C-alpha atoms as a PDB file:
ATOM      1  CA  MET A   1      91.837 118.010  87.213  1.00  0.00           C
ATOM      2  CA  LYS A   2      89.590 116.831  84.394  1.00  0.00           C
ATOM      3  CA  ILE A   3      85.844 116.481  84.677  1.00  0.00           C
ATOM      4  CA  ARG A   4      83.873 113.493  83.578  1.00  0.00           C
ATOM      5  CA  THR A   5      81.214 111.312  84.904  1.00  0.00           C
ATOM      6  CA  ARG A   6      81.331 109.711  88.067  1.00  0.00           C
ATOM      7  CA  PHE A   7      82.784 105.838  87.934  1.00  0.00           C
ATOM      8  CA  PRO A   8      81.993 102.487  89.347  1.00  0.00           C
ATOM      9  CA  ILE A   9      84.828 100.075  89.741  1.00  0.00           C
ATOM     10  CA  ALA A  10      85.021  96.389  90.456  1.00  0.00           C
ATOM     11  CA  LEU A  11      87.861  93.920  90.288  1.00  0.00           C
ATOM     12  CA  VAL A  12      87.044  91.127  87.791  1.00  0.00           C
ATOM     13  CA  ALA A  13      88.606  87.551  87.672  1.00  0.00           C
ATOM     14  CA  THR A  14      88.925  85.588  84.368  1.00  0.00           C
ATOM     15  CA  ALA A  15      87.424  82.057  84.538  1.00  0.00           C
ATOM     16  CA  LEU A  16      90.089  79.303  84.033  1.00  0.00           C
ATOM     17  CA  ALA A  17      89.760  75.551  84.311  1.00  0.00           C
ATOM     18  CA  GLY A  18      88.191  74.328  87.441  1.00  0.00           C
ATOM     19  CA  ALA A  19      85.091  75.129  89.744  1.00  0.00           C
ATOM     20  CA  TRP A  20      85.012  78.540  91.449  1.00  0.00           C
ATOM     21  CA  SER A  21      83.120  79.347  94.801  1.00  0.00           C
ATOM     22  CA  SER A  22      80.168  81.847  94.747  1.00  0.00           C
ATOM     23  CA  PRO A  23      80.994  85.419  95.760  1.00  0.00           C
ATOM     24  CA  PRO A  24      80.656  85.812  99.340  1.00  0.00           C
ATOM     25  CA  ALA A  25      77.388  87.403 100.861  1.00  0.00           C
ATOM     26  CA  PHE A  26      77.735  90.836 102.437  1.00  0.00           C
ATOM     27  CA  ALA A  27      75.379  92.183 105.097  1.00  0.00           C
ATOM     28  CA  ASP A  28      73.742  95.470 104.764  1.00  0.00           C
ATOM     29  CA  GLY A  29      76.003  98.338 105.328  1.00  0.00           C
ATOM     30  CA  THR A  30      75.347 101.818 106.664  1.00  0.00           C
ATOM     31  CA  VAL A  31      75.457 105.496 105.749  1.00  0.00           C
ATOM     32  CA  ASP A  32      77.954 107.975 107.293  1.00  0.00           C
ATOM     33  CA  LEU A  33      78.222 111.080 105.124  1.00  0.00           C
ATOM     34  CA  GLU A  34      79.822 114.440 105.843  1.00  0.00           C
ATOM     35  CA  LEU A  35      78.062 117.279 104.114  1.00  0.00           C
ATOM     36  CA  ARG A  36      78.570 121.053 103.544  1.00  0.00           C
ATOM     37  CA  SER A  37      76.227 123.649 104.109  1.00  0.00           C
ATOM     38  CA  GLY A  38      73.502 123.482 101.527  1.00  0.00           C
ATOM     39  CA  ASP A  39      74.060 119.882 100.321  1.00  0.00           C
ATOM     40  CA  LYS A  40      71.089 117.797  99.404  1.00  0.00           C
ATOM     41  CA  VAL A  41      70.645 113.907  99.952  1.00  0.00           C
ATOM     42  CA  SER A  42      68.364 111.475  98.293  1.00  0.00           C
ATOM     43  CA  GLY A  43      68.501 108.151 100.278  1.00  0.00           C
ATOM     44  CA  THR A  44      66.658 105.008 101.156  1.00  0.00           C
ATOM     45  CA  LEU A  45      65.609 103.709 104.522  1.00  0.00           C
ATOM     46  CA  ARG A  46      66.075  99.905 104.224  1.00  0.00           C
ATOM     47  CA  PRO A  47      65.407  98.026 106.600  1.00  0.00           C
ATOM     48  CA  ALA A  48      62.777 100.187 108.067  1.00  0.00           C
ATOM     49  CA  SER A  49      64.724 100.240 111.392  1.00  0.00           C
ATOM     50  CA  GLU A  50      67.644 101.561 109.820  1.00  0.00           C
ATOM     51  CA  GLN A  51      69.395 104.945 110.732  1.00  0.00           C
ATOM     52  CA  GLU A  52      71.548 106.923 108.563  1.00  0.00           C
ATOM     53  CA  LEU A  53      73.878 109.643 109.677  1.00  0.00           C
ATOM     54  CA  PHE A  54      75.081 112.936 108.351  1.00  0.00           C
ATOM     55  CA  ARG A  55      77.780 115.134 109.735  1.00  0.00           C
ATOM     56  CA  GLY A  56      78.423 118.971 109.564  1.00  0.00           C
ATOM     57  CA  SER A  57      81.554 120.457 110.869  1.00  0.00           C
ATOM     58  CA  MET A  58      80.135 123.780 112.244  1.00  0.00           C
ATOM     59  CA  PRO A  59      81.680 126.796 114.121  1.00  0.00           C
ATOM     60  CA  GLY A  60      80.077 128.091 117.272  1.00  0.00           C
ATOM     61  CA  GLY A  61      77.369 130.537 116.945  1.00  0.00           C
ATOM     62  CA  ALA A  62      76.390 129.156 113.521  1.00  0.00           C
ATOM     63  CA  GLN A  63      72.595 128.622 112.759  1.00  0.00           C
ATOM     64  CA  LEU A  64      71.609 125.115 111.735  1.00  0.00           C
ATOM     65  CA  VAL A  65      68.497 124.187 109.907  1.00  0.00           C
ATOM     66  CA  ALA A  66      67.533 120.600 108.221  1.00  0.00           C
ATOM     67  CA  SER A  67      64.644 119.047 106.482  1.00  0.00           C
ATOM     68  CA  LEU A  68      63.547 115.430 106.012  1.00  0.00           C
ATOM     69  CA  LYS A  69      60.817 114.196 103.764  1.00  0.00           C
ATOM     70  CA  ALA A  70      59.671 110.550 102.987  1.00  0.00           C
ATOM     71  CA  LYS A  71      58.921 110.003  99.138  1.00  0.00           C
ATOM     72  CA  ARG A  72      55.866 108.120  99.915  1.00  0.00           C
ATOM     73  CA  LYS A  73      53.275 107.785 102.715  1.00  0.00           C
ATOM     74  CA  THR A  74      54.370 105.465 105.457  1.00  0.00           C
ATOM     75  CA  ALA A  75      52.296 104.084 108.373  1.00  0.00           C
ATOM     76  CA  SER A  76      54.538 106.047 110.889  1.00  0.00           C
ATOM     77  CA  PRO A  77      56.712 109.068 110.036  1.00  0.00           C
ATOM     78  CA  ILE A  78      60.315 108.764 109.727  1.00  0.00           C
ATOM     79  CA  SER A  79      62.213 110.978 112.159  1.00  0.00           C
ATOM     80  CA  LEU A  80      65.069 113.092 112.540  1.00  0.00           C
ATOM     81  CA  GLN A  81      67.492 113.431 115.537  1.00  0.00           C
ATOM     82  CA  LEU A  82      70.500 116.137 116.342  1.00  0.00           C
ATOM     83  CA  ARG A  83      73.616 114.905 117.984  1.00  0.00           C
ATOM     84  CA  ARG A  84      76.957 116.078 118.850  1.00  0.00           C
ATOM     85  CA  ASP A  85      79.637 113.556 119.490  1.00  0.00           C
ATOM     86  CA  GLY A  86      76.869 110.617 119.713  1.00  0.00           C
ATOM     87  CA  ILE A  87      74.740 112.660 122.344  1.00  0.00           C
ATOM     88  CA  ASP A  88      71.499 114.178 121.824  1.00  0.00           C
ATOM     89  CA  VAL A  89      71.595 117.915 121.757  1.00  0.00           C
ATOM     90  CA  ALA A  90      69.450 119.690 124.312  1.00  0.00           C
ATOM     91  CA  GLY A  91      67.197 122.577 123.009  1.00  0.00           C
ATOM     92  CA  ALA A  92      66.974 121.265 119.610  1.00  0.00           C
ATOM     93  CA  VAL A  93      63.241 121.374 118.167  1.00  0.00           C
ATOM     94  CA  ILE A  94      62.292 118.935 115.506  1.00  0.00           C
ATOM     95  CA  ALA A  95      58.741 118.957 114.403  1.00  0.00           C
ATOM     96  CA  PRO A  96      56.608 118.193 111.588  1.00  0.00           C
ATOM     97  CA  LYS A  97      55.965 120.642 108.949  1.00  0.00           C
ATOM     98  CA  GLY A  98      53.258 119.613 106.370  1.00  0.00           C
ATOM     99  CA  SER A  99      54.538 116.205 104.861  1.00  0.00           C
ATOM    100  CA  ALA A 100      58.225 116.879 106.379  1.00  0.00           C
ATOM    101  CA  VAL A 101      59.826 116.901 109.535  1.00  0.00           C
ATOM    102  CA  VAL A 102      62.146 119.828 110.094  1.00  0.00           C
ATOM    103  CA  LEU A 103      64.976 121.015 112.642  1.00  0.00           C
ATOM    104  CA  GLN A 104      63.906 124.512 113.512  1.00  0.00           C
ATOM    105  CA  PRO A 105      66.642 127.219 113.637  1.00  0.00           C
ATOM    106  CA  PHE A 106      69.269 126.053 116.231  1.00  0.00           C
ATOM    107  CA  THR A 107      72.244 127.779 117.278  1.00  0.00           C
ATOM    108  CA  ALA A 108      75.500 125.576 117.445  1.00  0.00           C
ATOM    109  CA  GLN A 109      76.610 126.214 121.296  1.00  0.00           C
ATOM    110  CA  GLY A 110      80.088 125.487 120.360  1.00  0.00           C
ATOM    111  CA  SER A 111      82.440 124.460 117.464  1.00  0.00           C
ATOM    112  CA  GLY A 112      82.592 120.839 116.683  1.00  0.00           C
ATOM    113  CA  THR A 113      80.850 118.062 114.487  1.00  0.00           C
ATOM    114  CA  TYR A 114      77.068 117.927 114.639  1.00  0.00           C
ATOM    115  CA  GLU A 115      75.355 114.845 113.491  1.00  0.00           C
ATOM    116  CA  LEU A 116      71.871 114.620 112.103  1.00  0.00           C
ATOM    117  CA  VAL A 117      70.592 111.035 112.069  1.00  0.00           C
ATOM    118  CA  VAL A 118      67.726 109.982 109.823  1.00  0.00           C
ATOM    119  CA  VAL A 119      65.735 107.263 111.567  1.00  0.00           C
ATOM    120  CA  GLY A 120      63.348 104.688 109.908  1.00  0.00           C
ATOM    121  CA  ASN A 121      59.972 104.093 111.522  1.00  0.00           C
ATOM    122  CA  GLY A 122      60.375 100.381 111.710  1.00  0.00           C
ATOM    123  CA  SER A 123      57.646  99.447 109.662  1.00  0.00           C
ATOM    124  CA  ASP A 124      58.063 100.786 106.229  1.00  0.00           C
ATOM    125  CA  ASP A 125      60.891 101.051 103.557  1.00  0.00           C
ATOM    126  CA  THR A 126      61.112 104.404 101.906  1.00  0.00           C
ATOM    127  CA  ASP A 127      63.151 106.763  99.810  1.00  0.00           C
ATOM    128  CA  TYR A 128      63.498 110.019 101.381  1.00  0.00           C
ATOM    129  CA  ASP A 129      64.801 113.659 100.535  1.00  0.00           C
ATOM    130  CA  PHE A 130      67.143 115.221 103.103  1.00  0.00           C
ATOM    131  CA  SER A 131      68.837 118.735 103.277  1.00  0.00           C
ATOM    132  CA  LEU A 132      71.110 120.487 105.829  1.00  0.00           C
ATOM    133  CA  SER A 133      72.409 124.060 106.143  1.00  0.00           C
ATOM    134  CA  TRP A 134      74.094 126.300 108.452  1.00  0.00           C
ATOM    135  CA  LYS A 135      75.001 129.992 108.668  1.00  0.00           C
ATOM    136  CA  PRO A 136      78.241 131.033 110.485  1.00  0.00           C
ATOM    137  CA  LEU A 137      78.211 134.178 112.478  1.00  0.00           C
ATOM    138  CA  THR A 138      79.914 136.716 110.243  1.00  0.00           C
ATOM    139  CA  LYS A 139      79.998 139.764 112.366  1.00  0.00           C
ATOM    140  CA  PHE A 140      79.962 140.815 116.090  1.00  0.00           C
ATOM    141  CA  SER A 141      81.862 143.370 118.185  1.00  0.00           C
ATOM    142  CA  LEU A 142      82.416 143.226 122.114  1.00  0.00           C
ATOM    143  CA  ILE A 143      83.910 145.469 124.609  1.00  0.00           C
ATOM    144  CA  GLY A 144      86.635 144.242 126.914  1.00  0.00           C
ATOM    145  CA  ASN A 145      87.762 144.712 130.630  1.00  0.00           C
ATOM    146  CA  PRO A 146      90.502 147.425 131.095  1.00  0.00           C
ATOM    147  CA  VAL A 147      93.952 146.404 130.324  1.00  0.00           C
ATOM    148  CA  ALA A 148      97.004 147.765 132.100  1.00  0.00           C
ATOM    149  CA  ALA A 149      99.881 149.290 130.306  1.00  0.00           C
ATOM    150  CA  ALA A 150     102.054 146.754 128.650  1.00  0.00           C
ATOM    151  CA  ALA A 151      99.606 143.918 129.467  1.00  0.00           C
ATOM    152  CA  THR A 152      97.934 141.559 127.100  1.00  0.00           C
ATOM    153  CA  ASP A 153      94.616 140.273 126.628  1.00  0.00           C
ATOM    154  CA  SER A 154      92.873 137.932 124.034  1.00  0.00           C
ATOM    155  CA  PHE A 155      89.269 136.863 122.833  1.00  0.00           C
ATOM    156  CA  ASN A 156      88.167 134.035 120.728  1.00  0.00           C
ATOM    157  CA  PHE A 157      86.152 133.696 117.538  1.00  0.00           C
ATOM    158  CA  SER A 158      84.699 130.969 115.586  1.00  0.00           C
ATOM    159  CA  ALA A 159      85.223 130.505 112.015  1.00  0.00           C
ATOM    160  CA  PRO A 160      84.443 127.652 109.259  1.00  0.00           C
ATOM    161  CA  ALA A 161      87.430 126.298 107.268  1.00  0.00           C
ATOM    162  CA  GLY A 162      88.352 128.554 104.324  1.00  0.00           C
ATOM    163  CA  ALA A 163      87.185 131.699 105.797  1.00  0.00           C
ATOM    164  CA  VAL A 164      89.146 134.810 106.186  1.00  0.00           C
ATOM    165  CA  ALA A 165      88.816 137.123 109.283  1.00  0.00           C
ATOM    166  CA  THR A 166      89.212 140.856 109.585  1.00  0.00           C
ATOM    167  CA  ILE A 167      89.634 141.980 113.091  1.00  0.00           C
ATOM    168  CA  ASP A 168      89.951 145.431 114.656  1.00  0.00           C
ATOM    169  CA  VAL A 169      90.941 146.330 118.280  1.00  0.00           C
ATOM    170  CA  LEU A 170      90.465 149.659 119.074  1.00  0.00           C
ATOM    171  CA  PRO A 171      90.256 151.913 122.269  1.00  0.00           C
ATOM    172  CA  GLU A 172      86.979 152.478 123.786  1.00  0.00           C
ATOM    173  CA  LYS A 173      85.949 156.360 123.500  1.00  0.00           C
ATOM    174  CA  GLY A 174      88.124 158.347 125.993  1.00  0.00           C
ATOM    175  CA  SER A 175      90.254 155.287 126.697  1.00  0.00           C
ATOM    176  CA  ALA A 176      94.117 155.585 126.917  1.00  0.00           C
ATOM    177  CA  PHE A 177      94.360 152.078 125.483  1.00  0.00           C
ATOM    178  CA  VAL A 178      96.520 151.658 122.309  1.00  0.00           C
ATOM    179  CA  ALA A 179      96.282 148.320 120.645  1.00  0.00           C
ATOM    180  CA  GLY A 180      99.292 146.041 119.803  1.00  0.00           C
ATOM    181  CA  LEU A 181      98.323 143.106 117.836  1.00  0.00           C
ATOM    182  CA  VAL A 182     100.226 139.885 118.887  1.00  0.00           C
ATOM    183  CA  GLY A 183      98.845 137.191 116.553  1.00  0.00           C
ATOM    184  CA  VAL A 184      96.174 134.615 116.006  1.00  0.00           C
ATOM    185  CA  THR A 185      96.267 131.134 116.828  1.00  0.00           C
ATOM    186  CA  GLY A 186      93.999 128.184 116.152  1.00  0.00           C
ATOM    187  CA  PRO A 187      93.486 124.701 115.143  1.00  0.00           C
ATOM    188  CA  SER A 188      95.574 122.543 112.952  1.00  0.00           C
ATOM    189  CA  GLY A 189      98.462 124.565 114.024  1.00  0.00           C
ATOM    190  CA  TYR A 190      97.366 127.862 112.527  1.00  0.00           C
ATOM    191  CA  SER A 191      99.385 130.685 113.799  1.00  0.00           C
ATOM    192  CA  GLN A 192      99.781 134.157 112.258  1.00  0.00           C
ATOM    193  CA  ALA A 193     101.866 137.117 113.843  1.00  0.00           C
ATOM    194  CA  GLY A 194     100.382 140.414 114.287  1.00  0.00           C
ATOM    195  CA  GLY A 195     101.387 143.650 112.352  1.00  0.00           C
ATOM    196  CA  ALA A 196     101.554 147.369 112.896  1.00  0.00           C
ATOM    197  CA  GLY A 197      98.259 149.166 113.175  1.00  0.00           C
ATOM    198  CA  THR A 198      94.940 148.329 114.918  1.00  0.00           C
ATOM    199  CA  ARG A 199      93.482 146.067 111.937  1.00  0.00           C
ATOM    200  CA  MET A 200      94.434 142.504 111.332  1.00  0.00           C
ATOM    201  CA  VAL A 201      93.438 140.412 108.156  1.00  0.00           C
ATOM    202  CA  THR A 202      94.078 136.669 108.796  1.00  0.00           C
ATOM    203  CA  GLY A 203      95.206 134.212 106.043  1.00  0.00           C
ATOM    204  CA  THR A 204      92.665 131.437 104.917  1.00  0.00           C
ATOM    205  CA  LEU A 205      91.785 129.590 108.235  1.00  0.00           C
ATOM    206  CA  PRO A 206      92.862 125.893 107.575  1.00  0.00           C
ATOM    207  CA  ALA A 207      89.957 124.466 109.796  1.00  0.00           C
ATOM    208  CA  THR A 208      86.601 124.904 111.301  1.00  0.00           C
ATOM    209  CA  GLY A 209      86.825 125.635 114.976  1.00  0.00           C
ATOM    210  CA  ASP A 210      87.782 128.336 117.486  1.00  0.00           C
ATOM    211  CA  TYR A 211      90.491 130.928 116.971  1.00  0.00           C
ATOM    212  CA  ASN A 212      92.406 133.140 119.644  1.00  0.00           C
ATOM    213  CA  ILE A 213      93.631 136.513 118.960  1.00  0.00           C
ATOM    214  CA  SER A 214      95.835 138.198 121.302  1.00  0.00           C
ATOM    215  CA  PHE A 215      96.993 141.833 121.869  1.00  0.00           C
ATOM    216  CA  ARG A 216      98.877 144.136 123.891  1.00  0.00           C
ATOM    217  CA  ASN A 217      97.934 147.544 125.572  1.00  0.00           C
ATOM    218  CA  ASP A 218     100.834 149.843 124.154  1.00  0.00           C
ATOM    219  CA  GLY A 219      99.383 152.884 125.557  1.00  0.00           C
ATOM    220  CA  ALA A 220     100.969 154.705 128.600  1.00  0.00           C
ATOM    221  CA  ALA A 221      98.055 154.062 131.029  1.00  0.00           C
ATOM    222  CA  GLU A 222      95.055 151.379 131.667  1.00  0.00           C
ATOM    223  CA  GLY A 223      92.308 151.336 129.326  1.00  0.00           C
ATOM    224  CA  ARG A 224      89.061 149.737 128.008  1.00  0.00           C
ATOM    225  CA  TRP A 225      89.053 148.270 124.412  1.00  0.00           C
ATOM    226  CA  ILE A 226      86.633 147.196 121.781  1.00  0.00           C
ATOM    227  CA  ALA A 227      86.820 144.738 118.973  1.00  0.00           C
ATOM    228  CA  LYS A 228      85.138 144.257 115.686  1.00  0.00           C
ATOM    229  CA  PHE A 229      85.006 141.115 113.850  1.00  0.00           C
ATOM    230  CA  LYS A 230      84.023 140.370 110.154  1.00  0.00           C
ATOM    231  CA  LEU A 231      84.095 137.099 108.373  1.00  0.00           C
ATOM    232  CA  LYS A 232      84.376 136.285 104.546  1.00  0.00           C
ATOM    233  CA  LEU A 233      83.324 132.895 103.733  1.00  0.00           C
ATOM    234  CA  ALA A 234      84.886 130.770 101.090  1.00  0.00           C
ATOM    235  CA  LYS A 235      82.688 130.072  97.953  1.00  0.00           C
ATOM    236  CA  ALA A 236      81.371 126.774  97.734  1.00  0.00           C
ATOM    237  CA  THR A 237      79.226 124.805  95.359  1.00  0.00           C
ATOM    238  CA  LYS A 238      76.158 122.861  96.708  1.00  0.00           C
ATOM    239  CA  ALA A 239      76.033 119.114  95.873  1.00  0.00           C
ATOM    240  CA  LYS A 240      73.189 116.790  95.471  1.00  0.00           C
ATOM    241  CA  ILE A 241      73.905 113.492  96.451  1.00  0.00           C
ATOM    242  CA  ASP A 242      72.063 110.380  95.283  1.00  0.00           C
ATOM    243  CA  ILE A 243      72.394 107.133  97.523  1.00  0.00           C
ATOM    244  CA  ARG A 244      68.959 105.807  96.792  1.00  0.00           C
ATOM    245  CA  ASP A 245      68.897 101.755  96.294  1.00  0.00           C
ATOM    246  CA  GLY A 246      67.786 102.813  92.914  1.00  0.00           C
ATOM    247  CA  SER A 247      70.986 104.429  92.020  1.00  0.00           C
ATOM    248  CA  THR A 248      73.389 102.254  93.721  1.00  0.00           C
ATOM    249  CA  THR A 249      72.450  98.641  93.953  1.00  0.00           C
ATOM    250  CA  GLY A 250      69.460  98.705  91.922  1.00  0.00           C
ATOM    251  CA  ALA A 251      65.705  98.915  93.673  1.00  0.00           C
ATOM    252  CA  PHE A 252      66.027  97.711  97.102  1.00  0.00           C
ATOM    253  CA  GLY A 253      69.195  95.892  96.227  1.00  0.00           C
ATOM    254  CA  SER A 254      71.563  93.826  98.384  1.00  0.00           C
ATOM    255  CA  ASP A 255      73.434  96.811  99.886  1.00  0.00           C
ATOM    256  CA  HIS A 256      73.437 100.545  99.916  1.00  0.00           C
ATOM    257  CA  THR A 257      76.428 101.414 101.835  1.00  0.00           C
ATOM    258  CA  ALA A 258      77.933 104.961 101.553  1.00  0.00           C
ATOM    259  CA  PHE A 259      80.674 106.908 103.365  1.00  0.00           C
ATOM    260  CA  GLY A 260      81.722 110.403 102.757  1.00  0.00           C
ATOM    261  CA  ARG A 261      83.936 113.167 103.939  1.00  0.00           C
ATOM    262  CA  VAL A 262      84.556 116.865 102.990  1.00  0.00           C
ATOM    263  CA  LEU A 263      88.037 117.201 101.591  1.00  0.00           C
ATOM    264  CA  GLY A 264      89.771 120.541 100.421  1.00  0.00           C
ATOM    265  CA  PRO A 265      93.081 121.808  98.856  1.00  0.00           C
ATOM    266  CA  ASP A 266      95.166 119.850 101.267  1.00  0.00           C
ATOM    267  CA  GLY A 267      93.892 116.684 100.114  1.00  0.00           C
ATOM    268  CA  GLY A 268      93.037 113.516 102.359  1.00  0.00           C
ATOM    269  CA  THR A 269      91.622 110.167 102.569  1.00  0.00           C
ATOM    270  CA  VAL A 270      87.990 108.915 102.625  1.00  0.00           C
ATOM    271  CA  ASP A 271      87.567 105.241 103.618  1.00  0.00           C
ATOM    272  CA  ALA A 272      85.073 102.741 105.002  1.00  0.00           C
ATOM    273  CA  PRO A 273      85.850 101.321 108.150  1.00  0.00           C
ATOM    274  CA  LEU A 274      87.571  97.817 108.436  1.00  0.00           C
ATOM    275  CA  PHE A 275      84.762  96.618 110.465  1.00  0.00           C
ATOM    276  CA  GLY A 276      81.193  96.998 110.197  1.00  0.00           C
ATOM    277  CA  SER A 277      80.935  98.538 106.668  1.00  0.00           C
ATOM    278  CA  GLY A 278      79.654  95.612 104.805  1.00  0.00           C
ATOM    279  CA  PRO A 279      80.806  95.076 101.291  1.00  0.00           C
ATOM    280  CA  LEU A 280      82.834  98.321 101.108  1.00  0.00           C
ATOM    281  CA  GLU A 281      84.997  97.233 104.226  1.00  0.00           C
ATOM    282  CA  GLY A 282      88.478  98.519 103.615  1.00  0.00           C
ATOM    283  CA  THR A 283      87.675 100.577 100.435  1.00  0.00           C
ATOM    284  CA  SER A 284      89.244 103.898 100.467  1.00  0.00           C
ATOM    285  CA  VAL A 285      90.309 106.916  98.146  1.00  0.00           C
ATOM    286  CA  THR A 286      93.380 109.292  98.896  1.00  0.00           C
ATOM    287  CA  ILE A 287      93.461 112.514  97.114  1.00  0.00           C
ATOM    288  CA  PRO A 288      97.004 114.438  97.263  1.00  0.00           C
ATOM    289  CA  ALA A 289      97.259 118.099  98.182  1.00  0.00           C
ATOM    290  CA  GLY A 290      96.520 120.612  95.414  1.00  0.00           C
ATOM    291  CA  THR A 291      94.358 118.573  93.481  1.00  0.00           C
ATOM    292  CA  LEU A 292      90.915 119.890  94.698  1.00  0.00           C
ATOM    293  CA  GLY A 293      90.445 123.703  94.320  1.00  0.00           C
ATOM    294  CA  ALA A 294      87.786 123.952  96.977  1.00  0.00           C
ATOM    295  CA  ALA A 295      86.133 122.044  99.656  1.00  0.00           C
ATOM    296  CA  THR A 296      84.352 118.818  98.022  1.00  0.00           C
ATOM    297  CA  THR A 297      82.247 116.016  99.505  1.00  0.00           C
ATOM    298  CA  ILE A 298      84.229 112.907  98.241  1.00  0.00           C
ATOM    299  CA  THR A 299      82.078 109.800  98.707  1.00  0.00           C
ATOM    300  CA  VAL A 300      82.438 105.992  98.351  1.00  0.00           C
ATOM    301  CA  SER A 301      79.395 103.990  97.968  1.00  0.00           C
ATOM    302  CA  SER A 302      78.253 100.476  96.888  1.00  0.00           C
ATOM    303  CA  ALA A 303      77.348 100.259  93.034  1.00  0.00           C
ATOM    304  CA  PRO A 304      75.084  97.871  91.031  1.00  0.00           C
ATOM    305  CA  PRO A 305      77.038  94.749  90.017  1.00  0.00           C
ATOM    306  CA  LEU A 306      79.152  94.805  86.801  1.00  0.00           C
ATOM    307  CA  SER A 307      78.934  92.029  84.368  1.00  0.00           C
ATOM    308  CA  PRO A 308      82.180  92.281  82.096  1.00  0.00           C
ATOM    309  CA  GLY A 309      81.221  89.111  80.178  1.00  0.00           C
ATOM    310  CA  GLY A 310      83.787  87.405  77.837  1.00  0.00           C
ATOM    311  CA  GLY A 311      84.436  84.693  80.497  1.00  0.00           C
ATOM    312  CA  SER A 312      85.075  87.156  83.266  1.00  0.00           C
ATOM    313  CA  PHE A 313      83.030  87.838  86.264  1.00  0.00           C
ATOM    314  CA  GLY A 314      83.110  89.942  89.413  1.00  0.00           C
ATOM    315  CA  ALA A 315      85.610  89.466  92.018  1.00  0.00           C
ATOM    316  CA  GLY A 316      84.405  91.584  94.615  1.00  0.00           C
ATOM    317  CA  PRO A 317      81.545  94.296  95.151  1.00  0.00           C
ATOM    318  CA  ALA A 318      81.375  97.390  92.572  1.00  0.00           C
ATOM    319  CA  VAL A 319      82.250 100.514  94.170  1.00  0.00           C
ATOM    320  CA  GLU A 320      81.417 103.915  93.171  1.00  0.00           C
ATOM    321  CA  PHE A 321      83.439 107.188  93.903  1.00  0.00           C
ATOM    322  CA  GLY A 322      81.729 110.541  93.857  1.00  0.00           C
ATOM    323  CA  PRO A 323      81.023 113.184  93.254  1.00  0.00           C
ATOM    324  CA  GLU A 324      79.553 113.010  89.869  1.00  0.00           C
ATOM    325  CA  GLY A 325      81.958 114.479  87.377  1.00  0.00           C
ATOM    326  CA  THR A 326      84.957 114.025  89.001  1.00  0.00           C
ATOM    327  CA  VAL A 327      87.895 112.426  87.091  1.00  0.00           C
ATOM    328  CA  PHE A 328      91.590 112.818  88.169  1.00  0.00           C
ATOM    329  CA  ASP A 329      94.521 113.024  85.258  1.00  0.00           C
ATOM    330  CA  PRO A 330      93.798 110.013  83.159  1.00  0.00           C
ATOM    331  CA  THR A 331      97.223 110.216  81.441  1.00  0.00           C
ATOM    332  CA  GLY A 332      99.352 109.810  84.484  1.00  0.00           C
ATOM    333  CA  SER A 333     101.542 112.628  83.341  1.00  0.00           C
ATOM    334  CA  ASP A 334     100.979 114.375  86.764  1.00  0.00           C
ATOM    335  CA  PRO A 335     101.459 112.393  89.712  1.00  0.00           C
ATOM    336  CA  SER A 336     100.114 115.264  91.987  1.00  0.00           C
ATOM    337  CA  LYS A 337      96.621 114.996  90.214  1.00  0.00           C
ATOM    338  CA  GLN A 338      96.436 111.242  90.851  1.00  0.00           C
ATOM    339  CA  ALA A 339      93.829 109.544  93.336  1.00  0.00           C
ATOM    340  CA  THR A 340      94.859 106.393  94.962  1.00  0.00           C
ATOM    341  CA  ILE A 341      92.044 104.167  95.216  1.00  0.00           C
ATOM    342  CA  THR A 342      91.685 100.599  97.237  1.00  0.00           C
ATOM    343  CA  ILE A 343      88.890  98.343  96.563  1.00  0.00           C
ATOM    344  CA  PRO A 344      87.976  94.951  98.191  1.00  0.00           C
ATOM    345  CA  PHE A 345      88.327  91.696  96.306  1.00  0.00           C
ATOM    346  CA  ASP A 346      88.251  88.027  97.134  1.00  0.00           C
ATOM    347  CA  PRO A 347      91.368  86.299  96.542  1.00  0.00           C
ATOM    348  CA  SER A 348      90.074  83.004  96.121  1.00  0.00           C
ATOM    349  CA  PHE A 349      88.833  84.312  92.587  1.00  0.00           C
ATOM    350  CA  PHE A 350      92.255  84.634  91.574  1.00  0.00           C
ATOM    351  CA  PRO A 351      94.628  81.444  90.624  1.00  0.00           C
END
């Protein structure tokens, strides 16, 4: 994959004889971005009643913090909400801290997608800075109930995508328990058989979620066991995402729609919903497996209108694909490094 600047794209139509209709008017869109831990966003709340949503896929036990700050003084403060599956999370404490509002350290009660919602105050348009980070639980130990000879038992652990787990299942001091590791299963169909000895090192875990390790007592008598767990996290770069009006459609322009999801080496698709996503409706980018070397926040957002000149004019909204610096093989010589892009257009602009 070659690296270059981010790129806006728009379809253009060349004017021929006859009259042409004006481009359709698009309604304001929305913001729905999936972030990685440590990502930072600069955005715009306009209209002042707008809500913009940021997602994070977090393992159970992860400690989550967030901060939101308006870029200028407003009559009333903008606010922040923590949700899971669209429902407010009980126990989350969000409070002012200086000129910002912060989510105080919160422990995820289970694996899943958590949503931080930036909420306008209803009276003032403003730019804002938002940051979100979480730290998974990387080490723990536990003592299990007695296991009969030849019987099996299991326990769960939570982990983020890309992590590698090292698990030791051992006899409690003085116990007759002898571990026989059966294997690990988890989300996205993950399955790995156990091996000889009391230690197991997983492969790279494919998805954030809950994993189950099962084991057998190969001892001659019932015994208690203990387990020790360590997690090695995947290295990831932190992104700065700019979706302010001034960076997309111009200062307080006609639209500042943005969608984004985290994709990794397995590839995938980021798309704007077919309904309710304003001018970007139906826009998508599909990235094949083996193209991205690590988890990356891929974004689709509105962009300032392009003026091609020379008798040509826009036949649809300009679209920007991020992150900045990403370009796929421009020679076309390696199909596995090609991204498939879909952008909207108005067919009435074409003969």
